[in-house]
Protein backbone atom coordinates (compact mmCIF):
# COMPACT_ATOMS: atom_id res chain seq x y z
CA UNK A 1 95.35 96.16 157.91
CA UNK A 2 91.59 95.61 157.89
CA UNK A 3 90.98 99.23 156.74
CA UNK A 4 93.46 98.88 153.88
CA UNK A 5 91.84 95.63 152.83
CA UNK A 6 88.35 97.20 152.98
CA UNK A 7 89.45 100.19 150.91
CA UNK A 8 91.07 97.88 148.35
CA UNK A 9 87.93 95.70 148.19
CA UNK A 10 85.78 98.80 147.67
CA UNK A 11 88.09 99.97 144.89
CA UNK A 12 87.90 96.57 143.17
CA UNK A 13 84.11 96.52 143.51
CA UNK A 14 83.76 99.95 141.90
CA UNK A 15 86.31 99.17 139.19
CA UNK A 16 84.45 96.02 138.15
CA UNK A 17 81.04 97.67 137.87
CA UNK A 18 79.74 97.76 134.31
CA UNK A 19 80.15 101.08 132.54
CA UNK A 20 76.40 101.60 132.53
CA UNK A 21 76.36 101.70 136.33
CA UNK A 22 78.81 104.61 136.33
CA UNK A 23 77.70 106.38 133.18
CA UNK A 24 75.49 109.41 133.24
CA UNK A 25 72.50 109.72 130.96
CA UNK A 26 72.20 113.14 129.41
CA UNK A 27 68.58 113.98 128.62
CA UNK A 28 67.51 115.41 125.30
CA UNK A 29 68.33 119.09 125.13
CA UNK A 30 65.45 120.97 123.48
CA UNK A 31 67.77 123.96 122.99
CA UNK A 32 70.08 121.94 120.75
CA UNK A 33 69.81 123.22 117.20
CA UNK A 34 68.09 120.80 114.86
CA UNK A 35 69.02 121.63 111.27
CA UNK A 36 66.52 120.23 108.74
CA UNK A 37 67.88 117.84 106.13
CA UNK A 38 69.30 119.64 103.09
CA UNK A 39 69.94 122.82 105.06
CA UNK A 40 73.10 124.27 106.61
CA UNK A 41 73.38 126.20 109.83
CA UNK A 42 74.65 129.77 109.78
CA UNK A 43 75.13 132.30 112.56
CA UNK A 44 74.61 136.03 112.27
CA UNK A 45 75.94 138.43 114.90
CA UNK A 46 74.19 141.75 115.43
CA UNK A 47 75.28 144.52 117.76
CA UNK A 48 73.51 147.77 118.60
CA UNK A 49 74.23 150.52 121.07
CA UNK A 50 72.42 153.69 122.12
CA UNK A 51 73.40 156.50 124.44
CA UNK A 52 71.42 156.54 127.68
CA UNK A 53 69.03 159.49 127.62
CA UNK A 54 68.80 161.20 131.00
CA UNK A 55 65.26 161.75 132.23
CA UNK A 56 63.93 158.56 130.61
CA UNK A 57 63.71 155.28 132.54
CA UNK A 58 66.61 152.99 131.65
CA UNK A 59 64.24 149.99 131.57
CA UNK A 60 62.21 151.67 128.81
CA UNK A 61 65.37 152.39 126.85
CA UNK A 62 66.53 148.78 127.22
CA UNK A 63 63.15 147.53 126.00
CA UNK A 64 63.29 149.86 122.98
CA UNK A 65 66.75 148.65 121.92
CA UNK A 66 65.67 145.03 122.47
CA UNK A 67 62.66 145.50 120.18
CA UNK A 68 64.85 147.03 117.48
CA UNK A 69 67.41 144.25 117.77
CA UNK A 70 64.78 141.49 117.59
CA UNK A 71 63.17 143.17 114.58
CA UNK A 72 66.56 143.09 112.85
CA UNK A 73 67.00 139.44 113.83
CA UNK A 74 63.58 138.61 112.42
CA UNK A 75 64.50 140.17 109.07
CA UNK A 76 67.62 138.04 108.60
CA UNK A 77 65.73 135.22 106.85
CA UNK A 78 64.12 137.74 104.50
CA UNK A 79 67.51 139.24 103.62
CA UNK A 80 69.10 135.83 103.09
CA UNK A 81 66.27 134.47 100.92
CA UNK A 82 66.50 137.59 98.75
CA UNK A 83 70.17 136.92 98.13
CA UNK A 84 71.47 133.34 98.46
CA UNK A 85 68.88 130.93 99.88
CA UNK A 86 65.70 129.17 98.77
CA UNK A 87 64.54 128.72 102.34
CA UNK A 88 65.46 129.92 105.78
CA UNK A 89 64.36 128.93 109.26
CA UNK A 90 65.14 130.78 112.48
CA UNK A 91 66.53 128.22 114.94
CA UNK A 92 67.38 130.41 117.90
CA UNK A 93 68.53 133.73 119.28
CA UNK A 94 70.93 134.43 122.11
CA UNK A 95 71.11 137.97 123.46
CA UNK A 96 73.36 139.88 125.80
CA UNK A 97 72.52 143.35 127.14
CA UNK A 98 75.04 145.66 128.76
CA UNK A 99 74.78 149.11 130.24
CA UNK A 100 77.84 151.27 130.66
CA UNK A 101 77.45 154.24 132.94
CA UNK A 102 80.55 156.31 132.43
CA UNK A 103 80.90 160.03 132.03
CA UNK A 104 80.57 161.68 129.61
CA UNK A 105 78.74 159.02 127.58
CA UNK A 106 76.68 156.25 129.17
CA UNK A 107 75.21 153.72 126.79
CA UNK A 108 73.14 150.58 126.41
CA UNK A 109 74.43 147.83 124.16
CA UNK A 110 72.85 144.62 122.92
CA UNK A 111 74.50 141.78 121.06
CA UNK A 112 72.48 139.04 119.37
CA UNK A 113 73.63 135.72 117.98
CA UNK A 114 71.02 134.58 115.46
CA UNK A 115 71.11 130.91 114.43
CA UNK A 116 69.53 130.10 111.07
CA UNK A 117 69.09 127.01 108.92
CA UNK A 118 69.22 127.80 105.21
CA UNK A 119 69.07 125.86 101.96
CA UNK A 120 71.23 127.46 99.28
CA UNK A 121 69.76 128.18 95.88
CA UNK A 122 70.68 125.58 93.26
CA UNK A 123 72.76 128.03 91.22
CA UNK A 124 74.84 128.88 94.29
CA UNK A 125 75.43 125.35 95.57
CA UNK A 126 76.66 124.01 92.20
CA UNK A 127 80.38 124.40 91.34
């Protein structure tokens, strides 16, 4: 009986705690995308793949495809400002690299998600 009463008392004590005692504070996430006022967020997906060349270190081949992919990601703001936007800001890039070693064709693939903040040109944003 005493154990049941103690368990019940503990339950009541926890249930009556203020929410702040049980809540969890989530710290500021610096990776969260902050879109400047007047801009909209857009995402661009890029995917590249290359066959693995025998006789060349795979690490070197991965680095080469990464450089090419990041160069393409860096040009996205230039492409967008030439077509639909007054301004563009690169907010972040997420990448994923895969190697597939299967006969007859082994390959390296990279996928990038490029997050941009853009402000549309006036003539595009008006109905």
